[in-house]
Protein backbone atom coordinates (compact mmCIF):
# COMPACT_ATOMS: atom_id res chain seq x y z
CA MET A 1 0.04 -36.99 0.91
CA THR A 2 3.27 -37.32 -1.52
CA GLY A 3 0.90 -35.47 -4.04
CA LYS A 4 0.05 -32.48 -1.30
CA ILE A 5 3.51 -32.01 -0.69
CA ILE A 6 4.72 -31.98 -4.32
CA GLY A 7 2.15 -29.54 -5.36
CA VAL A 8 2.81 -27.24 -2.49
CA LEU A 9 6.61 -27.17 -3.15
CA ILE A 10 6.04 -26.44 -7.14
CA TYR A 11 3.67 -23.77 -6.01
CA LEU A 12 6.31 -22.43 -3.44
CA GLY A 13 8.68 -22.64 -6.13
CA VAL A 14 7.06 -20.35 -8.52
CA ILE A 15 6.21 -17.95 -5.68
CA PHE A 16 9.69 -17.40 -4.53
CA TYR A 17 10.90 -17.06 -8.36
CA LEU A 18 8.23 -14.33 -8.63
CA GLY A 19 9.63 -12.67 -5.47
CA TYR A 20 13.24 -12.68 -6.32
CA LYS A 21 12.05 -11.13 -9.93
CA ALA A 22 10.42 -8.53 -7.89
CA TRP A 23 13.33 -7.77 -5.45
CA LEU A 24 15.57 -7.19 -8.60
CA LYS A 25 13.06 -4.59 -10.02
CA THR A 26 12.57 -2.94 -6.37
CA LYS A 27 15.02 -0.02 -6.36
CA GLU A 28 13.21 2.89 -4.87
CA SER A 29 10.56 3.58 -2.22
CA THR A 30 8.03 4.04 -5.08
CA ASP A 31 8.71 0.60 -6.09
CA TYR A 32 8.59 -0.94 -2.74
CA MET A 33 5.23 0.85 -1.78
CA LEU A 34 3.48 1.34 -5.15
CA ALA A 35 5.03 -1.14 -7.38
CA GLY A 36 6.58 1.57 -9.64
CA ARG A 37 2.81 2.67 -10.79
CA SER A 38 3.38 0.43 -13.87
CA MET A 39 1.08 -2.66 -13.09
CA ASN A 40 -1.14 -4.18 -16.37
CA PRO A 41 -4.86 -4.31 -15.68
CA PHE A 42 -4.87 -8.30 -15.36
CA VAL A 43 -2.33 -7.78 -12.49
CA LEU A 44 -4.04 -4.93 -10.94
CA ALA A 45 -7.44 -7.05 -11.10
CA MET A 46 -6.08 -10.31 -9.88
CA SER A 47 -4.26 -8.96 -7.29
CA TYR A 48 -7.08 -6.65 -6.01
CA GLY A 49 -9.42 -9.87 -5.93
CA ALA A 50 -6.97 -12.06 -4.09
CA THR A 51 -6.15 -9.61 -1.85
CA PHE A 52 -9.79 -8.74 -1.08
CA VAL A 53 -10.69 -12.61 -1.14
CA SER A 54 -9.01 -15.05 1.08
CA THR A 55 -9.26 -17.97 3.41
CA SER A 56 -11.35 -15.55 5.52
CA ALA A 57 -13.67 -15.40 2.70
CA ILE A 58 -13.36 -19.33 1.53
CA VAL A 59 -12.97 -20.75 4.70
CA GLY A 60 -14.32 -18.54 7.14
CA PHE A 61 -17.44 -17.18 5.28
CA GLY A 62 -17.87 -20.32 3.45
CA GLY A 63 -17.85 -22.19 6.73
CA VAL A 64 -20.62 -19.22 8.10
CA SER A 65 -22.68 -20.18 5.18
CA GLY A 66 -22.71 -23.81 6.55
CA MET A 67 -24.41 -22.59 9.08
CA PHE A 68 -26.47 -19.80 7.89
CA GLY A 69 -27.06 -20.77 4.23
CA MET A 70 -27.74 -18.95 0.92
CA SER A 71 -28.44 -15.77 2.69
CA LEU A 72 -24.36 -14.68 2.24
CA LEU A 73 -25.04 -14.61 -1.42
CA TRP A 74 -26.18 -10.88 -0.69
CA LEU A 75 -22.53 -10.41 0.12
CA THR A 76 -21.39 -11.79 -3.04
CA PHE A 77 -23.70 -9.09 -5.01
CA LEU A 78 -21.92 -6.27 -2.50
CA THR A 79 -18.55 -7.39 -3.18
CA ILE A 80 -18.93 -7.51 -6.84
CA PHE A 81 -21.35 -4.20 -7.27
CA VAL A 82 -19.46 -2.10 -4.85
CA GLY A 83 -16.10 -3.65 -4.34
CA ILE A 84 -15.55 -3.88 -7.95
CA PHE A 85 -17.46 -1.85 -10.15
CA VAL A 86 -18.14 1.34 -7.63
CA ALA A 87 -14.68 0.95 -6.11
CA MET A 88 -12.86 1.09 -9.49
CA VAL A 89 -14.91 3.17 -11.41
CA PHE A 90 -16.03 5.89 -8.87
CA PHE A 91 -13.23 5.56 -6.54
CA GLY A 92 -10.29 4.32 -8.29
CA LYS A 93 -9.98 6.67 -11.13
CA ARG A 94 -10.01 9.59 -8.93
CA THR A 95 -7.81 8.27 -6.38
CA ARG A 96 -5.22 7.52 -9.09
CA ARG A 97 -5.25 11.00 -10.00
CA MET A 98 -5.48 12.75 -6.92
CA GLY A 99 -2.80 10.18 -5.58
CA LEU A 100 -0.47 11.06 -8.24
CA ALA A 101 -0.88 14.99 -8.05
CA LEU A 102 -0.32 14.79 -4.37
CA ASP A 103 2.57 12.38 -4.83
CA SER A 104 1.14 9.67 -2.35
CA HIS A 105 2.61 6.49 -1.61
CA THR A 106 0.37 5.10 1.00
CA PHE A 107 -3.63 5.34 2.11
CA PRO A 108 -2.89 7.12 5.16
CA GLU A 109 -0.22 9.65 3.36
CA PHE A 110 -2.89 10.05 0.67
CA LEU A 111 -5.64 11.28 3.16
CA GLY A 112 -2.90 13.24 5.11
CA ARG A 113 -1.97 15.16 1.65
CA ARG A 114 -5.49 15.69 0.57
CA TYR A 115 -6.20 17.55 3.57
CA LYS A 116 -2.58 19.08 4.54
CA SER A 117 -2.81 17.21 7.91
CA LYS A 118 -0.18 14.96 9.17
CA PHE A 119 -2.52 14.24 12.19
CA ILE A 120 -4.50 12.70 9.86
CA GLN A 121 -1.60 10.68 8.44
CA GLN A 122 -0.39 9.59 11.49
CA PHE A 123 -3.76 8.60 12.97
CA SER A 124 -4.91 6.40 10.19
CA GLY A 125 -1.73 5.07 9.99
CA VAL A 126 -1.75 4.04 13.38
CA VAL A 127 -5.18 2.46 13.38
CA ILE A 128 -4.38 0.42 10.37
CA PHE A 129 -0.86 -0.77 11.85
CA VAL A 130 -2.41 -1.79 15.20
CA PHE A 131 -5.78 -3.40 13.87
CA ILE A 132 -4.98 -4.81 10.53
CA PRO A 133 -2.98 -7.40 12.35
CA VAL A 134 -6.33 -8.96 13.60
CA TYR A 135 -7.56 -9.48 10.04
CA ALA A 136 -4.35 -10.68 8.99
CA ALA A 137 -4.44 -13.45 11.92
CA ALA A 138 -7.92 -14.46 10.76
CA VAL A 139 -6.56 -15.05 7.40
CA LEU A 140 -3.33 -17.01 8.92
CA ILE A 141 -5.83 -18.98 11.26
CA GLY A 142 -7.74 -20.12 8.15
CA ILE A 143 -4.99 -21.59 6.26
CA CYS A 144 -3.20 -22.98 9.20
CA ARG A 145 -6.71 -24.92 10.08
CA MET A 146 -6.71 -26.17 6.49
CA LEU A 147 -3.07 -27.46 6.70
CA GLU A 148 -3.69 -29.02 9.92
CA VAL A 149 -6.61 -31.05 8.49
CA ALA A 150 -4.30 -31.95 5.47
CA PHE A 151 -1.20 -32.80 7.56
CA PRO A 152 -2.64 -34.10 11.06
CA ALA A 153 0.83 -34.95 12.07
CA ILE A 154 1.95 -31.21 12.28
CA SER A 155 0.49 -29.13 14.79
CA TYR A 156 -1.30 -26.05 14.28
CA GLY A 157 1.00 -24.06 16.30
CA VAL A 158 3.87 -25.19 14.04
CA TRP A 159 1.79 -24.39 10.77
CA LEU A 160 1.57 -20.77 12.14
CA LEU A 161 5.23 -20.23 12.31
CA VAL A 162 5.88 -22.06 9.10
CA VAL A 163 3.53 -20.22 7.08
CA THR A 164 4.43 -16.70 8.80
CA ALA A 165 8.03 -17.37 7.77
CA ILE A 166 7.21 -18.20 4.17
CA VAL A 167 5.13 -15.02 3.46
CA ALA A 168 7.81 -12.68 5.20
CA VAL A 169 10.46 -13.99 2.94
CA TYR A 170 9.31 -12.08 -0.37
CA VAL A 171 7.02 -9.43 1.18
CA ILE A 172 9.91 -8.04 3.09
CA THR A 173 12.32 -8.23 0.56
CA GLY A 174 10.46 -7.59 -2.31
CA GLY A 175 7.62 -4.85 -1.66
CA LEU A 176 4.30 -4.30 -3.36
CA LYS A 177 5.72 -5.60 -6.67
CA ALA A 178 6.49 -8.89 -5.31
CA VAL A 179 2.91 -8.76 -3.52
CA MET A 180 1.28 -8.00 -6.69
CA TYR A 181 3.12 -10.41 -8.94
CA THR A 182 2.36 -13.17 -6.68
CA ASP A 183 -1.10 -12.39 -6.22
CA ALA A 184 -1.59 -12.62 -10.02
CA PHE A 185 -0.25 -15.71 -10.07
CA GLN A 186 -2.19 -17.00 -6.84
CA GLY A 187 -5.56 -15.65 -7.98
CA THR A 188 -5.33 -17.77 -11.25
CA ILE A 189 -4.79 -21.05 -9.47
CA MET A 190 -7.85 -20.03 -6.84
CA ALA A 191 -10.09 -19.23 -9.87
CA GLY A 192 -9.28 -22.59 -11.28
CA MET A 193 -10.10 -24.80 -8.24
CA MET A 194 -13.16 -22.82 -7.41
CA LEU A 195 -14.69 -23.77 -10.57
CA ILE A 196 -13.75 -27.34 -10.39
CA LEU A 197 -15.13 -27.27 -6.52
CA ILE A 198 -18.96 -26.17 -7.49
CA VAL A 199 -18.97 -28.16 -10.80
CA THR A 200 -17.93 -31.10 -8.45
CA THR A 201 -20.41 -30.16 -5.77
CA TYR A 202 -23.20 -30.00 -8.12
CA SER A 203 -22.70 -33.16 -9.85
CA LEU A 204 -22.67 -34.90 -6.64
CA LEU A 205 -25.99 -33.45 -5.84
CA GLY A 206 -27.43 -34.30 -9.29
CA GLY A 207 -27.53 -30.89 -10.90
CA ILE A 208 -28.36 -27.23 -9.74
CA THR A 209 -32.22 -27.38 -9.27
CA GLU A 210 -31.79 -30.94 -7.44
CA ALA A 211 -29.19 -29.55 -5.07
CA HIS A 212 -31.11 -26.50 -4.04
CA GLN A 213 -34.42 -28.27 -3.52
CA ALA A 214 -32.54 -30.93 -1.58
CA LEU A 215 -31.10 -28.48 0.75
CA THR A 216 -34.55 -26.72 0.98
CA ASP A 217 -36.43 -29.90 1.96
CA MET A 218 -33.83 -30.35 4.89
CA VAL A 219 -35.46 -27.22 6.96
CA ASN A 220 -36.58 -29.74 9.80
CA LEU A 221 -32.85 -30.28 10.40
CA VAL A 222 -31.69 -26.99 11.16
CA PRO A 223 -30.52 -26.91 14.85
CA ALA A 224 -32.93 -25.74 17.54
CA GLY A 225 -30.61 -23.09 18.71
CA LEU A 226 -30.38 -21.71 15.43
CA VAL A 227 -34.15 -21.87 14.94
CA LYS A 228 -34.07 -19.93 18.17
CA GLY A 229 -31.75 -17.47 17.15
CA GLY A 230 -33.80 -16.56 14.10
CA MET A 231 -32.96 -19.27 11.19
CA THR A 232 -35.97 -20.25 8.92
CA GLY A 233 -33.84 -22.60 6.59
CA TRP A 234 -30.71 -22.93 4.85
CA THR A 235 -32.12 -21.41 1.51
CA THR A 236 -34.51 -18.95 3.06
CA GLY A 237 -32.12 -17.52 5.62
CA PRO A 238 -32.59 -15.74 8.92
CA ASN A 239 -35.33 -13.46 9.98
CA PHE A 240 -34.23 -9.97 9.85
CA GLU A 241 -35.53 -8.93 13.30
CA SER A 242 -33.43 -11.81 15.05
CA PRO A 243 -30.16 -12.29 16.70
CA ILE A 244 -28.70 -14.34 13.53
CA GLY A 245 -30.57 -12.08 11.27
CA LEU A 246 -29.14 -9.15 12.35
CA THR A 247 -25.32 -10.57 12.54
CA VAL A 248 -25.73 -11.95 9.09
CA TYR A 249 -27.36 -8.76 7.33
CA THR A 250 -25.64 -6.03 9.50
CA THR A 251 -22.00 -7.27 10.30
CA ILE A 252 -21.41 -10.09 7.42
CA ILE A 253 -23.10 -8.46 4.32
CA TYR A 254 -23.51 -4.68 5.44
CA GLY A 255 -20.37 -4.42 7.42
CA VAL A 256 -17.90 -6.44 4.80
CA GLY A 257 -19.77 -5.12 1.65
CA ILE A 258 -19.73 -1.42 2.33
CA GLY A 259 -16.68 -1.76 4.32
CA VAL A 260 -14.61 -2.81 1.27
CA LEU A 261 -14.49 0.82 0.13
CA ALA A 262 -12.39 1.87 2.59
CA GLN A 263 -9.73 -1.02 2.86
CA PRO A 264 -6.31 0.69 2.44
CA GLN A 265 -4.65 -2.47 1.05
CA LEU A 266 -7.23 -2.28 -1.89
CA ALA A 267 -7.27 1.58 -2.30
CA ILE A 268 -3.37 1.54 -2.90
CA ARG A 269 -3.95 -0.80 -5.80
CA PHE A 270 -5.63 2.24 -7.73
CA MET A 271 -2.15 3.95 -7.34
CA THR A 272 -0.28 1.44 -9.04
CA VAL A 273 -1.45 1.38 -12.47
CA PRO A 274 -0.16 3.99 -15.26
CA SER A 275 -3.54 5.47 -16.48
CA ASP A 276 -7.33 4.95 -16.28
CA ARG A 277 -7.41 2.36 -19.20
CA GLU A 278 -6.22 -0.10 -16.82
CA LEU A 279 -8.62 0.42 -14.06
CA ASN A 280 -11.33 0.13 -16.78
CA ARG A 281 -10.30 -3.29 -18.16
CA ALA A 282 -9.75 -4.49 -14.81
CA VAL A 283 -13.30 -3.93 -13.93
CA ALA A 284 -14.78 -7.17 -15.87
CA ILE A 285 -11.57 -9.19 -14.55
CA GLY A 286 -12.16 -8.43 -11.09
CA GLY A 287 -16.12 -8.85 -11.34
CA VAL A 288 -15.90 -12.65 -12.87
CA PHE A 289 -12.94 -13.38 -10.36
CA ILE A 290 -14.85 -12.16 -6.97
CA LEU A 291 -18.04 -14.21 -8.48
CA LEU A 292 -15.95 -17.27 -8.76
CA MET A 293 -14.51 -16.73 -5.28
CA THR A 294 -17.17 -15.73 -2.89
CA GLY A 295 -20.26 -17.17 -4.88
CA VAL A 296 -18.73 -20.54 -4.91
CA ALA A 297 -17.88 -20.28 -1.42
CA PHE A 298 -20.79 -19.54 -0.08
CA VAL A 299 -23.04 -21.85 -2.12
CA THR A 300 -20.82 -24.85 -1.24
CA GLY A 301 -20.95 -24.09 2.39
CA ALA A 302 -24.49 -24.10 2.33
CA LEU A 303 -24.70 -27.15 0.09
CA SER A 304 -22.18 -28.97 2.19
CA ASN A 305 -25.27 -29.72 4.55
CA VAL A 306 -26.84 -31.91 2.10
CA VAL A 307 -23.54 -33.43 0.96
CA PHE A 308 -22.65 -34.43 4.48
CA PHE A 309 -26.13 -35.60 5.44
CA GLN A 310 -25.98 -37.90 2.50
CA LYS A 311 -22.66 -39.31 3.24
CA PHE A 312 -22.39 -39.28 6.92
CA GLY A 313 -25.94 -38.27 8.35
CA LYS A 314 -24.79 -35.25 9.79
CA ILE A 315 -25.15 -31.40 8.91
CA ALA A 316 -22.08 -29.65 8.47
CA ILE A 317 -21.78 -28.03 11.82
CA VAL A 318 -21.96 -31.07 13.76
CA MET A 319 -19.33 -32.78 11.31
CA ALA A 320 -17.05 -30.00 12.05
CA GLU A 321 -17.97 -29.97 15.84
CA ASN A 322 -19.75 -26.65 16.40
CA ASN A 323 -16.41 -24.93 14.82
CA PHE A 324 -17.54 -23.23 11.18
CA ASP A 325 -14.01 -22.49 10.57
CA LYS A 326 -13.92 -26.33 9.83
CA ILE A 327 -16.63 -26.94 7.38
CA ILE A 328 -14.78 -26.02 4.35
CA PRO A 329 -11.41 -27.77 5.01
CA LEU A 330 -13.44 -31.06 6.22
CA TYR A 331 -15.73 -30.95 3.03
CA ILE A 332 -12.59 -30.85 0.82
CA ASP A 333 -10.83 -33.58 3.05
CA LYS A 334 -13.72 -35.99 3.38
CA VAL A 335 -15.98 -35.37 0.11
CA MET A 336 -13.99 -34.48 -2.86
CA PRO A 337 -11.57 -36.60 -4.94
CA GLY A 338 -8.21 -37.13 -3.24
CA TRP A 339 -6.19 -35.51 -6.38
CA PHE A 340 -8.58 -32.37 -5.70
CA SER A 341 -7.64 -31.75 -1.95
CA GLY A 342 -4.05 -31.54 -2.68
CA LEU A 343 -4.65 -28.89 -5.62
CA PHE A 344 -7.10 -27.02 -3.40
CA LEU A 345 -4.75 -26.95 -0.51
CA VAL A 346 -2.13 -25.18 -3.00
CA ALA A 347 -5.17 -22.82 -3.80
CA MET A 348 -5.97 -21.80 -0.27
CA PHE A 349 -2.31 -21.34 0.17
CA ALA A 350 -2.50 -18.90 -2.64
CA ALA A 351 -5.64 -17.18 -1.11
CA ALA A 352 -3.93 -16.98 2.29
CA MET A 353 -0.70 -15.73 1.06
CA SER A 354 -1.99 -13.23 -1.35
CA THR A 355 -3.91 -11.25 1.20
CA MET A 356 -1.50 -11.76 4.27
CA SER A 357 1.37 -10.49 2.14
CA SER A 358 -0.80 -6.98 1.62
CA GLN A 359 -2.03 -6.89 4.72
CA TYR A 360 1.60 -7.05 6.26
CA HIS A 361 2.64 -4.67 3.66
CA VAL A 362 0.02 -1.92 4.37
CA GLY A 363 0.36 -2.38 8.10
CA GLY A 364 4.30 -2.16 7.68
CA THR A 365 4.39 0.73 5.50
CA SER A 366 1.40 2.51 7.82
CA LEU A 367 3.98 2.09 10.70
CA SER A 368 7.29 3.39 9.09
CA ARG A 369 6.00 5.80 6.33
CA ASP A 370 2.95 7.18 8.25
CA PHE A 371 4.29 7.56 11.41
CA LEU A 372 7.89 6.84 12.07
CA GLU A 373 9.18 8.70 9.13
CA GLN A 374 7.06 11.75 10.42
CA TYR A 375 9.52 11.66 13.57
CA VAL A 376 12.61 10.48 12.14
CA ASN A 377 15.05 12.21 9.55
CA ILE A 378 15.26 9.01 7.04
CA GLY A 379 17.77 10.80 4.64
CA ASN A 380 18.26 8.94 1.62
CA ASN A 381 16.01 6.59 -0.47
CA GLY A 382 17.74 3.44 1.05
CA SER A 383 17.20 4.23 4.68
CA SER A 384 13.54 4.76 3.86
CA MET A 385 13.44 1.37 2.42
CA LYS A 386 14.79 -0.38 5.39
CA LEU A 387 12.58 1.55 7.48
CA ASN A 388 9.67 0.19 5.61
CA ARG A 389 11.18 -3.35 5.68
CA LEU A 390 11.42 -2.85 9.60
CA GLY A 391 7.55 -2.14 9.64
CA VAL A 392 6.62 -5.06 7.62
CA THR A 393 8.52 -7.17 10.16
CA VAL A 394 6.97 -5.43 13.10
CA ALA A 395 3.53 -6.16 11.31
CA ILE A 396 3.95 -9.82 10.76
CA ILE A 397 5.27 -10.52 14.19
CA ALA A 398 2.18 -8.59 15.56
CA THR A 399 -0.09 -10.81 13.38
CA LEU A 400 1.28 -14.02 14.42
CA VAL A 401 0.69 -13.14 18.25
CA TRP A 402 -2.87 -12.47 17.23
CA ALA A 403 -3.28 -15.50 15.70
CA TRP A 404 -2.25 -17.49 18.86
CA LEU A 405 -4.32 -15.38 20.86
CA LEU A 406 -7.67 -15.69 19.10
CA PRO A 407 -10.37 -18.12 19.76
CA SER A 408 -11.52 -20.62 17.38
CA GLY A 409 -14.73 -19.74 14.95
CA VAL A 410 -13.09 -16.14 14.75
CA ILE A 411 -12.17 -15.98 11.31
CA ALA A 412 -15.63 -14.00 9.57
CA ARG A 413 -15.92 -11.77 12.68
CA ALA A 414 -12.35 -10.85 12.76
CA THR A 415 -12.78 -9.75 8.94
CA ALA A 416 -16.11 -7.90 9.68
CA PHE A 417 -14.52 -6.14 12.66
CA PHE A 418 -11.53 -4.69 10.30
CA PHE A 419 -14.04 -3.72 7.52
CA GLY A 420 -16.47 -1.76 9.53
CA LEU A 421 -13.75 0.09 11.55
CA CYS A 422 -11.91 1.16 8.46
CA ALA A 423 -15.32 2.11 6.98
CA ALA A 424 -16.53 4.34 10.36
CA SER A 425 -13.12 5.80 10.50
CA PHE A 426 -11.96 6.22 6.80
CA LEU A 427 -15.04 6.51 4.29
CA PRO A 428 -16.90 9.51 4.85
CA ILE A 429 -13.51 11.65 4.56
CA TYR A 430 -11.89 9.57 1.63
CA VAL A 431 -15.24 9.92 -0.68
CA LEU A 432 -15.89 13.32 0.44
CA GLY A 433 -12.10 14.07 -0.04
CA LEU A 434 -12.71 12.82 -3.72
CA TYR A 435 -15.60 14.56 -4.45
CA TRP A 436 -16.26 17.55 -2.59
CA LYS A 437 -14.17 20.76 -2.13
CA GLY A 438 -16.02 21.98 0.28
CA MET A 439 -14.51 19.37 2.70
CA THR A 440 -12.53 20.74 5.47
CA LYS A 441 -9.36 19.49 7.46
CA THR A 442 -11.25 19.91 10.83
CA GLY A 443 -14.08 18.24 9.54
CA ALA A 444 -11.98 15.37 8.63
CA LYS A 445 -10.16 15.20 11.69
CA VAL A 446 -13.38 15.08 13.66
CA SER A 447 -15.00 12.61 11.45
CA MET A 448 -12.40 10.22 11.45
CA VAL A 449 -11.89 10.39 15.33
CA GLY A 450 -15.37 10.42 16.26
CA GLY A 451 -16.29 7.80 13.76
CA PHE A 452 -13.27 5.61 14.97
CA CYS A 453 -14.29 6.21 18.63
CA PHE A 454 -18.02 5.34 18.32
CA SER A 455 -17.17 2.37 16.57
CA MET A 456 -15.01 1.16 19.34
CA PHE A 457 -17.72 2.49 22.02
CA TRP A 458 -20.15 0.06 20.34
CA LEU A 459 -17.49 -2.72 20.16
CA LEU A 460 -16.91 -2.60 23.64
CA PHE A 461 -19.96 -2.08 25.48
CA VAL A 462 -22.89 -2.76 22.82
CA HIS A 463 -22.17 -5.51 20.33
CA VAL A 464 -22.26 -8.82 22.10
CA LYS A 465 -19.78 -10.97 20.51
CA GLU A 466 -16.78 -8.49 21.21
CA ALA A 467 -18.19 -6.72 24.24
CA GLY A 468 -18.64 -10.25 25.95
CA PHE A 469 -15.13 -11.61 25.06
CA ILE A 470 -13.09 -8.44 26.04
CA GLY A 471 -15.31 -8.04 29.04
CA LEU A 472 -14.90 -4.57 29.69
CA CYS A 473 -18.18 -3.94 30.20
CA GLN A 474 -18.89 -6.61 32.44
CA ALA A 475 -16.28 -5.15 34.82
CA MET A 476 -17.46 -1.76 34.68
CA PHE A 477 -21.44 -2.08 34.48
CA GLY A 478 -21.50 -5.84 35.88
CA LYS A 479 -23.23 -6.71 32.64
CA ALA A 480 -22.07 -8.04 29.36
CA THR A 481 -23.62 -5.13 27.60
CA LEU A 482 -25.33 -2.18 28.41
CA VAL A 483 -28.63 -3.35 27.05
CA ALA A 484 -28.31 -6.84 28.03
CA ASP A 485 -31.15 -6.21 30.40
CA ALA A 486 -33.72 -4.87 28.13
CA ALA A 487 -36.75 -6.95 27.70
CA PRO A 488 -36.04 -9.99 25.33
CA GLY A 489 -37.02 -9.53 21.85
CA SER A 490 -37.35 -5.80 22.12
CA TRP A 491 -35.41 -3.44 19.40
CA MET A 492 -33.23 -2.25 22.50
CA TRP A 493 -32.22 -5.84 23.21
CA LEU A 494 -31.84 -6.74 19.54
CA MET A 495 -29.05 -3.85 19.04
CA GLN A 496 -26.57 -6.17 20.89
CA TRP A 497 -26.41 -8.26 17.39
CA VAL A 498 -26.66 -4.82 15.28
CA ASP A 499 -22.84 -4.22 13.71
CA PRO A 500 -21.01 -1.19 15.00
CA ASN A 501 -20.74 0.25 11.59
CA VAL A 502 -24.61 0.41 10.93
CA VAL A 503 -24.57 3.16 13.51
CA ALA A 504 -20.67 4.63 13.41
CA LEU A 505 -20.79 5.10 9.80
CA PRO A 506 -23.77 7.49 9.64
CA VAL A 507 -22.31 9.38 12.61
CA SER A 508 -19.07 9.56 11.12
CA MET A 509 -20.42 11.02 7.94
CA VAL A 510 -22.78 13.43 9.84
CA LEU A 511 -19.82 14.63 11.53
CA ALA A 512 -17.68 15.41 8.20
CA VAL A 513 -20.51 17.28 6.67
CA GLY A 514 -21.61 18.92 9.47
CA VAL A 515 -18.30 20.31 10.94
CA SER A 516 -16.98 20.93 7.55
CA LEU A 517 -20.02 23.30 6.99
CA ALA A 518 -19.05 25.06 9.93
CA THR A 519 -15.15 25.53 9.44
CA ARG A 520 -12.86 27.16 7.47
CA ARG A 521 -12.35 26.03 3.73
CA ILE A 522 -9.18 24.57 2.62
CA GLU A 523 -7.25 27.23 0.42
CA GLU A 524 -8.05 27.21 -3.34
CA ARG A 525 -4.29 26.51 -3.97
CA HIS A 526 -4.14 23.18 -2.65
CA LEU A 527 -7.61 22.45 -4.13
CA ARG A 528 -6.69 23.20 -7.52
CA LEU A 529 -3.45 20.65 -6.99
CA CYS A 530 -5.85 17.99 -5.55
CA TRP A 531 -8.06 18.18 -8.52
CA ASP A 532 -5.51 18.46 -11.25
CA GLY A 533 -6.42 16.38 -13.68
CA LEU A 534 -9.75 15.26 -12.30
CA CYS A 535 -12.14 17.21 -14.25
């Protein structure tokens, strides 16, 4: 216990020092919102990765892999190929150049200025501000569940307040510079701990081949409820045409793996570097980092079934009392050496703080810069900084409220929800805005609003996890979802487990292209400004 406390205190000392250093260098709005556009490739890659991968991935999705097995490794592939390579090479460079040409400071402002539309900036800013606290709450829940296990004398509710206060101090004062400096430090800690975790896990099980064979041989221990839902084994994964298969492959893998391209807290980092060279160098660093984070978490989560069964005679989900958010914390507490649990707790603290700080920052600036400043005459730069800090404060409070309200086992679902909503709302107008001069203002508006509305419709009336929890469909139509009374096993019935993004993203893309082809093109002078330096 003493070692854990000392480790956390040393870690917090470094974090507050970096936050203070960033505060001293934060003099203008560009410093607060874009880190002065002067970040080096290592800081960019580690900050990008640490923001992308947090306790929601390690604790939440790692716990999900404890239930559904190695199939989640497809998400690791997508996060590296799409989230790092495609994002930085095909999105990052053009975003940086166009953002500089348009003098954009936030992701909504980038979209708004690309299409010369205050409505697009305001609408996207409100969507981000309203819904990113749900994602941030999932990250906050993840670290507080770990702290609850590590320090059982302190309640979960108290940890929510303590962690929120710690992150709030340096995000509100230091802005994006503080966020990225601390992210780089936190990411380094996370990488080291995950490397130790996977090596120790394989050592406990006698090696890589022996570990995976042991997990394969446990197929007869898969709970009957999971088998009925479509699970075939922890190494073979679920049958695609089943409730579990559709949840894993459409929500977790597709929804998160593709949705990463439209994440505002990640896209904004492309505008923090001085040249394309930093983005090129960040690809390799970011790829290795994401492999260590997600790959290790998903493999360890699946293999925890073997370790728990050998040591305690129970599979992972039984050990966690049916709350998969507790699988990874229990594995660290019950299985790993005592010295490691304290270090890993610091790493998870780092993972949570790195992501939450970025979420708070982008949520707060979306409220202040992209909405309030459109109606309030700010005047000088100092007033703009104050308004941004006020926005961040409001975002932090909203996250804390959601963390208290959300049910258990919600970490992975809340993460996938935000990723999918951003993809349906922003991805078509973002990618087409970077590459197609024929994309029009009207097409962008219709695509963004249409994608958002279709995604929300599917969440409220079709996707059983959200529709059942919210209860609006039940109240209006007397059934949990609109397809609940379809023949069990039919494709109509299975639609309840198809992620909204599978349907909403294509709809949004069709609207963007179709409406743009039928409406007036943006004037050539503005297009030349947008494309300045791209060709």
